[in-house]
N, C-alpha and C. Protein backbone atom coordinates (compact mmCIF):
# COMPACT_ATOMS: atom_id res chain seq x y z
N MET A 1 -0.73 -18.41 -11.22
CA MET A 1 -0.40 -17.38 -10.26
C MET A 1 -0.60 -16.02 -10.92
N LEU A 2 -1.12 -15.09 -10.15
CA LEU A 2 -1.35 -13.74 -10.67
C LEU A 2 -0.05 -12.97 -10.85
N SER A 3 -0.07 -12.06 -11.79
CA SER A 3 1.07 -11.19 -12.02
C SER A 3 1.21 -10.22 -10.85
N PRO A 4 2.43 -9.96 -10.38
CA PRO A 4 2.63 -8.95 -9.34
C PRO A 4 2.13 -7.58 -9.79
N TYR A 5 2.20 -7.31 -11.09
CA TYR A 5 1.71 -6.04 -11.62
C TYR A 5 0.21 -5.90 -11.37
N ASP A 6 -0.57 -6.96 -11.62
CA ASP A 6 -2.02 -6.91 -11.41
C ASP A 6 -2.35 -6.61 -9.95
N VAL A 7 -1.60 -7.22 -9.04
CA VAL A 7 -1.83 -7.00 -7.61
C VAL A 7 -1.47 -5.55 -7.25
N GLN A 8 -0.36 -5.06 -7.78
CA GLN A 8 0.06 -3.69 -7.50
C GLN A 8 -0.99 -2.69 -8.00
N VAL A 9 -1.50 -2.90 -9.20
CA VAL A 9 -2.52 -2.01 -9.77
C VAL A 9 -3.76 -2.01 -8.88
N ALA A 10 -4.18 -3.18 -8.42
CA ALA A 10 -5.38 -3.27 -7.58
C ALA A 10 -5.17 -2.57 -6.24
N LEU A 11 -4.00 -2.72 -5.63
CA LEU A 11 -3.73 -2.06 -4.35
C LEU A 11 -3.68 -0.54 -4.51
N ILE A 12 -3.07 -0.05 -5.57
CA ILE A 12 -3.03 1.39 -5.80
C ILE A 12 -4.43 1.92 -6.06
N ALA A 13 -5.24 1.18 -6.82
CA ALA A 13 -6.62 1.59 -7.07
C ALA A 13 -7.42 1.67 -5.76
N LEU A 14 -7.20 0.70 -4.87
CA LEU A 14 -7.87 0.71 -3.57
C LEU A 14 -7.51 1.97 -2.78
N LEU A 15 -6.23 2.32 -2.76
CA LEU A 15 -5.80 3.52 -2.04
C LEU A 15 -6.35 4.79 -2.68
N LYS A 16 -6.33 4.87 -4.01
CA LYS A 16 -6.81 6.06 -4.71
C LYS A 16 -8.32 6.23 -4.61
N ALA A 17 -9.03 5.16 -4.30
CA ALA A 17 -10.49 5.23 -4.16
C ALA A 17 -10.91 5.71 -2.78
N ASN A 18 -9.97 5.88 -1.87
CA ASN A 18 -10.28 6.29 -0.50
C ASN A 18 -10.28 7.82 -0.41
N GLY A 19 -11.47 8.41 -0.30
CA GLY A 19 -11.62 9.86 -0.29
C GLY A 19 -10.82 10.59 0.77
N PRO A 20 -10.89 10.18 2.04
CA PRO A 20 -10.12 10.89 3.07
C PRO A 20 -8.61 10.85 2.84
N LEU A 21 -8.09 9.73 2.33
CA LEU A 21 -6.66 9.63 2.06
C LEU A 21 -6.27 10.58 0.92
N VAL A 22 -7.02 10.54 -0.17
CA VAL A 22 -6.73 11.40 -1.32
C VAL A 22 -6.85 12.88 -0.93
N ALA A 23 -7.83 13.21 -0.07
CA ALA A 23 -8.02 14.60 0.35
C ALA A 23 -6.82 15.13 1.14
N ALA A 24 -6.06 14.25 1.76
CA ALA A 24 -4.89 14.66 2.55
C ALA A 24 -3.64 14.84 1.70
N LEU A 25 -3.75 14.58 0.41
CA LEU A 25 -2.61 14.64 -0.51
C LEU A 25 -2.80 15.76 -1.52
N PRO A 26 -1.72 16.19 -2.19
CA PRO A 26 -1.87 17.22 -3.21
C PRO A 26 -2.78 16.76 -4.37
N ALA A 27 -2.79 15.45 -4.65
CA ALA A 27 -3.64 14.87 -5.71
C ALA A 27 -3.56 13.35 -5.59
N ALA A 28 -4.52 12.66 -6.22
CA ALA A 28 -4.49 11.19 -6.19
C ALA A 28 -3.21 10.67 -6.84
N GLY A 29 -2.60 11.48 -7.72
CA GLY A 29 -1.35 11.09 -8.36
C GLY A 29 -0.18 10.99 -7.41
N ALA A 30 -0.36 11.44 -6.16
CA ALA A 30 0.70 11.33 -5.14
C ALA A 30 0.80 9.91 -4.60
N ILE A 31 -0.09 9.03 -5.05
CA ILE A 31 -0.06 7.61 -4.65
C ILE A 31 0.53 6.83 -5.82
N LYS A 32 1.72 6.27 -5.63
CA LYS A 32 2.43 5.57 -6.70
C LYS A 32 3.15 4.35 -6.13
N GLU A 33 3.69 3.52 -7.03
CA GLU A 33 4.51 2.41 -6.58
C GLU A 33 5.84 2.94 -6.06
N ALA A 34 6.45 2.20 -5.16
CA ALA A 34 7.69 2.64 -4.51
C ALA A 34 8.82 2.81 -5.52
N GLU A 35 8.79 2.07 -6.60
CA GLU A 35 9.87 2.11 -7.58
C GLU A 35 9.68 3.19 -8.63
N TRP A 36 8.68 4.05 -8.49
CA TRP A 36 8.41 5.10 -9.46
C TRP A 36 9.64 5.97 -9.63
N ARG A 37 10.04 6.21 -10.88
CA ARG A 37 11.30 6.90 -11.16
C ARG A 37 11.08 8.29 -11.78
N GLY A 38 9.96 8.93 -11.47
CA GLY A 38 9.69 10.25 -12.03
C GLY A 38 10.61 11.31 -11.45
N THR A 39 10.49 12.50 -11.99
CA THR A 39 11.36 13.60 -11.56
C THR A 39 10.61 14.65 -10.75
N ASN A 40 9.28 14.61 -10.75
CA ASN A 40 8.49 15.60 -10.04
C ASN A 40 7.83 14.97 -8.82
N PHE A 41 8.42 15.19 -7.65
CA PHE A 41 7.89 14.63 -6.42
C PHE A 41 7.19 15.72 -5.62
N ASP A 42 5.92 15.51 -5.34
CA ASP A 42 5.16 16.40 -4.46
C ASP A 42 4.96 15.69 -3.13
N TYR A 43 4.99 16.45 -2.07
CA TYR A 43 4.78 15.90 -0.72
C TYR A 43 3.62 16.60 -0.06
N PRO A 44 2.88 15.90 0.75
CA PRO A 44 3.09 14.51 1.18
C PRO A 44 2.82 13.54 0.04
N ALA A 45 3.35 12.33 0.20
CA ALA A 45 3.22 11.31 -0.83
C ALA A 45 3.04 9.94 -0.20
N ILE A 46 2.47 9.04 -0.99
CA ILE A 46 2.25 7.65 -0.58
C ILE A 46 2.91 6.76 -1.62
N ARG A 47 3.65 5.75 -1.16
CA ARG A 47 4.30 4.80 -2.06
C ARG A 47 3.95 3.38 -1.62
N LEU A 48 3.61 2.53 -2.60
CA LEU A 48 3.29 1.12 -2.35
C LEU A 48 4.51 0.28 -2.68
N ASP A 49 4.92 -0.56 -1.73
CA ASP A 49 6.07 -1.43 -1.92
C ASP A 49 5.64 -2.87 -1.67
N ILE A 50 5.51 -3.65 -2.74
CA ILE A 50 5.20 -5.07 -2.59
C ILE A 50 6.53 -5.78 -2.35
N THR A 51 6.65 -6.41 -1.18
CA THR A 51 7.93 -6.98 -0.77
C THR A 51 8.03 -8.49 -0.97
N GLY A 52 6.91 -9.14 -1.20
CA GLY A 52 6.97 -10.59 -1.37
C GLY A 52 5.65 -11.16 -1.80
N GLY A 53 5.70 -12.40 -2.19
CA GLY A 53 4.48 -13.09 -2.61
C GLY A 53 4.83 -14.43 -3.20
N GLY A 54 3.83 -15.25 -3.32
CA GLY A 54 4.04 -16.56 -3.91
C GLY A 54 2.84 -17.45 -3.69
N PRO A 55 2.90 -18.64 -4.25
CA PRO A 55 1.79 -19.57 -4.14
C PRO A 55 1.45 -19.89 -2.68
N GLN A 56 0.18 -20.05 -2.40
CA GLN A 56 -0.30 -20.42 -1.07
C GLN A 56 -1.00 -21.77 -1.17
N GLY A 57 -0.89 -22.57 -0.14
CA GLY A 57 -1.58 -23.85 -0.11
C GLY A 57 -0.72 -24.97 -0.66
N ASN A 58 -1.34 -26.15 -0.74
CA ASN A 58 -0.64 -27.34 -1.20
C ASN A 58 -1.36 -27.93 -2.40
N GLY A 59 -0.64 -28.63 -3.23
CA GLY A 59 -1.24 -29.35 -4.34
C GLY A 59 -1.95 -28.44 -5.31
N ALA A 60 -3.12 -28.90 -5.76
CA ALA A 60 -3.89 -28.16 -6.76
C ALA A 60 -4.34 -26.80 -6.25
N CYS A 61 -4.56 -26.67 -4.94
CA CYS A 61 -5.01 -25.39 -4.37
C CYS A 61 -3.96 -24.30 -4.55
N ALA A 62 -2.70 -24.68 -4.54
CA ALA A 62 -1.62 -23.69 -4.62
C ALA A 62 -1.59 -23.00 -5.98
N GLU A 63 -2.18 -23.61 -7.00
CA GLU A 63 -2.11 -23.04 -8.34
C GLU A 63 -2.86 -21.72 -8.45
N GLY A 64 -3.93 -21.52 -7.74
CA GLY A 64 -4.73 -20.32 -7.92
C GLY A 64 -4.67 -19.32 -6.78
N TRP A 65 -3.92 -19.62 -5.75
CA TRP A 65 -3.85 -18.75 -4.58
C TRP A 65 -2.47 -18.11 -4.48
N THR A 66 -2.43 -16.79 -4.35
CA THR A 66 -1.17 -16.08 -4.26
C THR A 66 -1.14 -15.22 -3.01
N GLY A 67 -0.15 -15.43 -2.16
CA GLY A 67 0.03 -14.57 -1.00
C GLY A 67 0.81 -13.33 -1.39
N VAL A 68 0.43 -12.19 -0.85
CA VAL A 68 1.10 -10.93 -1.15
C VAL A 68 1.39 -10.21 0.16
N ALA A 69 2.61 -9.72 0.31
CA ALA A 69 2.99 -8.94 1.48
C ALA A 69 3.68 -7.67 1.00
N GLY A 70 3.54 -6.62 1.78
CA GLY A 70 4.19 -5.37 1.41
C GLY A 70 3.95 -4.29 2.43
N SER A 71 4.24 -3.07 1.99
CA SER A 71 4.01 -1.93 2.87
C SER A 71 3.55 -0.74 2.06
N VAL A 72 2.82 0.13 2.72
CA VAL A 72 2.45 1.40 2.13
C VAL A 72 3.21 2.45 2.94
N ILE A 73 3.99 3.25 2.24
CA ILE A 73 4.91 4.20 2.85
C ILE A 73 4.31 5.60 2.79
N ALA A 74 4.30 6.29 3.92
CA ALA A 74 3.86 7.69 3.98
C ALA A 74 5.10 8.56 4.09
N LEU A 75 5.16 9.60 3.25
CA LEU A 75 6.30 10.51 3.24
C LEU A 75 5.81 11.95 3.43
N SER A 76 6.49 12.68 4.29
CA SER A 76 6.11 14.06 4.57
C SER A 76 7.35 14.92 4.74
N LYS A 77 7.27 16.18 4.29
CA LYS A 77 8.38 17.12 4.45
C LYS A 77 8.13 18.11 5.58
N GLU A 78 7.06 17.95 6.33
CA GLU A 78 6.75 18.87 7.42
C GLU A 78 7.81 18.82 8.51
N ASP A 79 7.89 19.87 9.33
CA ASP A 79 8.85 19.88 10.44
C ASP A 79 8.48 18.85 11.51
N SER A 80 7.18 18.64 11.69
CA SER A 80 6.67 17.72 12.70
C SER A 80 6.29 16.40 12.03
N SER A 81 6.26 15.33 12.81
CA SER A 81 5.83 14.02 12.28
C SER A 81 4.31 13.91 12.20
N GLY A 82 3.58 14.93 12.62
CA GLY A 82 2.12 14.86 12.69
C GLY A 82 1.45 14.52 11.37
N GLU A 83 1.88 15.14 10.28
CA GLU A 83 1.27 14.86 8.98
C GLU A 83 1.50 13.40 8.59
N CYS A 84 2.68 12.89 8.83
CA CYS A 84 3.00 11.50 8.52
C CYS A 84 2.14 10.55 9.36
N LEU A 85 1.98 10.86 10.64
CA LEU A 85 1.12 10.05 11.50
C LEU A 85 -0.32 10.03 11.01
N THR A 86 -0.82 11.19 10.59
CA THR A 86 -2.18 11.28 10.06
C THR A 86 -2.33 10.41 8.83
N LEU A 87 -1.34 10.49 7.92
CA LEU A 87 -1.39 9.66 6.72
C LEU A 87 -1.36 8.17 7.05
N LEU A 88 -0.56 7.78 8.04
CA LEU A 88 -0.51 6.37 8.43
C LEU A 88 -1.88 5.88 8.90
N GLY A 89 -2.58 6.69 9.69
CA GLY A 89 -3.93 6.33 10.13
C GLY A 89 -4.89 6.20 8.97
N LEU A 90 -4.80 7.12 8.01
CA LEU A 90 -5.66 7.06 6.83
C LEU A 90 -5.36 5.83 5.97
N ILE A 91 -4.08 5.48 5.87
CA ILE A 91 -3.70 4.27 5.12
C ILE A 91 -4.27 3.04 5.80
N GLN A 92 -4.17 2.97 7.12
CA GLN A 92 -4.73 1.83 7.85
C GLN A 92 -6.22 1.70 7.56
N ASP A 93 -6.94 2.81 7.64
CA ASP A 93 -8.38 2.79 7.36
C ASP A 93 -8.68 2.37 5.93
N ALA A 94 -7.83 2.79 4.98
CA ALA A 94 -8.05 2.47 3.57
C ALA A 94 -7.82 0.98 3.28
N LEU A 95 -6.94 0.33 4.04
CA LEU A 95 -6.59 -1.06 3.75
C LEU A 95 -7.29 -2.10 4.62
N GLN A 96 -7.38 -1.85 5.91
CA GLN A 96 -7.82 -2.89 6.85
C GLN A 96 -9.18 -3.47 6.48
N ARG A 97 -9.19 -4.78 6.27
CA ARG A 97 -10.40 -5.55 6.00
C ARG A 97 -11.09 -5.16 4.70
N LYS A 98 -10.32 -4.60 3.76
CA LYS A 98 -10.87 -4.25 2.46
C LYS A 98 -10.53 -5.35 1.46
N HIS A 99 -11.29 -5.39 0.36
CA HIS A 99 -11.04 -6.33 -0.72
C HIS A 99 -10.46 -5.57 -1.90
N LEU A 100 -9.62 -6.20 -2.68
CA LEU A 100 -8.97 -5.55 -3.80
C LEU A 100 -9.91 -5.45 -5.00
N PRO A 101 -10.05 -4.25 -5.58
CA PRO A 101 -10.95 -4.09 -6.73
C PRO A 101 -10.44 -4.87 -7.93
N GLY A 102 -11.36 -5.57 -8.59
CA GLY A 102 -11.02 -6.30 -9.80
C GLY A 102 -10.37 -7.65 -9.58
N LEU A 103 -10.11 -8.02 -8.32
CA LEU A 103 -9.50 -9.31 -8.02
C LEU A 103 -10.31 -10.02 -6.96
N ALA A 104 -10.35 -11.34 -7.04
CA ALA A 104 -10.95 -12.12 -5.97
C ALA A 104 -9.88 -12.23 -4.88
N ALA A 105 -10.09 -11.52 -3.79
CA ALA A 105 -9.06 -11.50 -2.75
C ALA A 105 -9.70 -11.60 -1.38
N LEU A 106 -8.97 -12.21 -0.49
CA LEU A 106 -9.37 -12.18 0.90
C LEU A 106 -9.12 -10.77 1.41
N GLU A 107 -9.58 -10.48 2.59
CA GLU A 107 -9.38 -9.13 3.14
C GLU A 107 -7.90 -8.83 3.33
N VAL A 108 -7.55 -7.54 3.17
CA VAL A 108 -6.20 -7.10 3.48
C VAL A 108 -6.08 -7.04 4.99
N LYS A 109 -4.98 -7.55 5.52
CA LYS A 109 -4.74 -7.56 6.98
C LYS A 109 -3.52 -6.69 7.26
N ILE A 110 -3.69 -5.75 8.20
CA ILE A 110 -2.57 -4.92 8.63
C ILE A 110 -1.73 -5.73 9.61
N ASP A 111 -0.44 -5.84 9.33
CA ASP A 111 0.47 -6.55 10.23
C ASP A 111 1.00 -5.63 11.32
N SER A 112 1.47 -4.44 10.92
CA SER A 112 1.99 -3.49 11.90
C SER A 112 2.16 -2.14 11.23
N THR A 113 2.42 -1.14 12.04
CA THR A 113 2.67 0.22 11.54
C THR A 113 3.92 0.74 12.24
N THR A 114 4.84 1.28 11.45
CA THR A 114 6.05 1.84 12.05
C THR A 114 5.82 3.30 12.37
N TYR A 115 6.33 3.73 13.51
CA TYR A 115 6.23 5.14 13.88
C TYR A 115 7.13 5.93 12.93
N PRO A 116 6.72 7.15 12.52
CA PRO A 116 7.55 7.92 11.59
C PRO A 116 8.96 8.17 12.12
N PHE A 117 9.91 8.09 11.21
CA PHE A 117 11.30 8.40 11.53
C PHE A 117 11.84 9.32 10.45
N ARG A 118 12.89 10.05 10.79
CA ARG A 118 13.50 10.97 9.83
C ARG A 118 14.40 10.20 8.87
N GLU A 119 14.24 10.49 7.59
CA GLU A 119 15.10 9.91 6.55
C GLU A 119 15.46 11.06 5.61
N LEU A 120 16.69 11.53 5.69
CA LEU A 120 17.12 12.72 4.96
C LEU A 120 16.24 13.90 5.40
N ASN A 121 15.51 14.52 4.47
CA ASN A 121 14.66 15.66 4.82
C ASN A 121 13.20 15.27 4.98
N LEU A 122 12.92 13.98 5.13
CA LEU A 122 11.54 13.50 5.14
C LEU A 122 11.20 12.75 6.42
N TRP A 123 9.92 12.80 6.77
CA TRP A 123 9.37 11.86 7.74
C TRP A 123 8.88 10.67 6.93
N ARG A 124 9.17 9.47 7.40
CA ARG A 124 8.77 8.24 6.71
C ARG A 124 8.17 7.27 7.72
N GLY A 125 7.00 6.75 7.41
CA GLY A 125 6.36 5.72 8.21
C GLY A 125 5.77 4.68 7.28
N GLU A 126 5.54 3.49 7.79
CA GLU A 126 5.04 2.41 6.94
C GLU A 126 3.92 1.63 7.61
N VAL A 127 2.96 1.22 6.80
CA VAL A 127 1.92 0.29 7.21
C VAL A 127 2.22 -1.01 6.49
N LEU A 128 2.53 -2.06 7.24
CA LEU A 128 2.84 -3.37 6.67
C LEU A 128 1.55 -4.19 6.58
N PHE A 129 1.37 -4.87 5.46
CA PHE A 129 0.12 -5.60 5.22
C PHE A 129 0.39 -6.94 4.57
N ALA A 130 -0.64 -7.77 4.55
CA ALA A 130 -0.61 -9.06 3.85
C ALA A 130 -2.02 -9.37 3.37
N THR A 131 -2.11 -10.10 2.27
CA THR A 131 -3.40 -10.57 1.78
C THR A 131 -3.17 -11.81 0.91
N THR A 132 -4.22 -12.50 0.59
CA THR A 132 -4.16 -13.62 -0.33
C THR A 132 -5.10 -13.32 -1.49
N VAL A 133 -4.59 -13.42 -2.70
CA VAL A 133 -5.38 -13.17 -3.90
C VAL A 133 -5.70 -14.50 -4.55
N ILE A 134 -6.94 -14.66 -5.00
CA ILE A 134 -7.38 -15.91 -5.59
C ILE A 134 -7.62 -15.68 -7.08
N GLN A 135 -6.92 -16.43 -7.92
CA GLN A 135 -7.11 -16.29 -9.36
C GLN A 135 -8.41 -16.96 -9.75
N THR A 136 -9.25 -16.21 -10.46
CA THR A 136 -10.56 -16.75 -10.85
C THR A 136 -10.60 -17.07 -12.34
């Protein structure tokens, strides 16, 4: 089974390689894992949250196949939810039917997108996804 770290690195690389998404952010460094504990937060920002995963299939097939589920979170400090909505659309375009760089993976499938909601001083929306990674 693949390391969750390897999958996280590949998903972040996929997002950072998307020109329109990066252009909407202060820098490609605004795309990080959800658990990032830094002290300097710039907005808008994107956070990747891997929420689950595990072996897929039965018998010998299950040894090399790993299912991964998670969400990509868009965060904005604007007064309107418009910037967050724009980021959600860009995230969908960056993920839908793409393959993970450096890993043998089936296409990423978008499960759903949450409409932005207020959380403290931020707009927050999420794109939920799933994929299967094949260890080669």
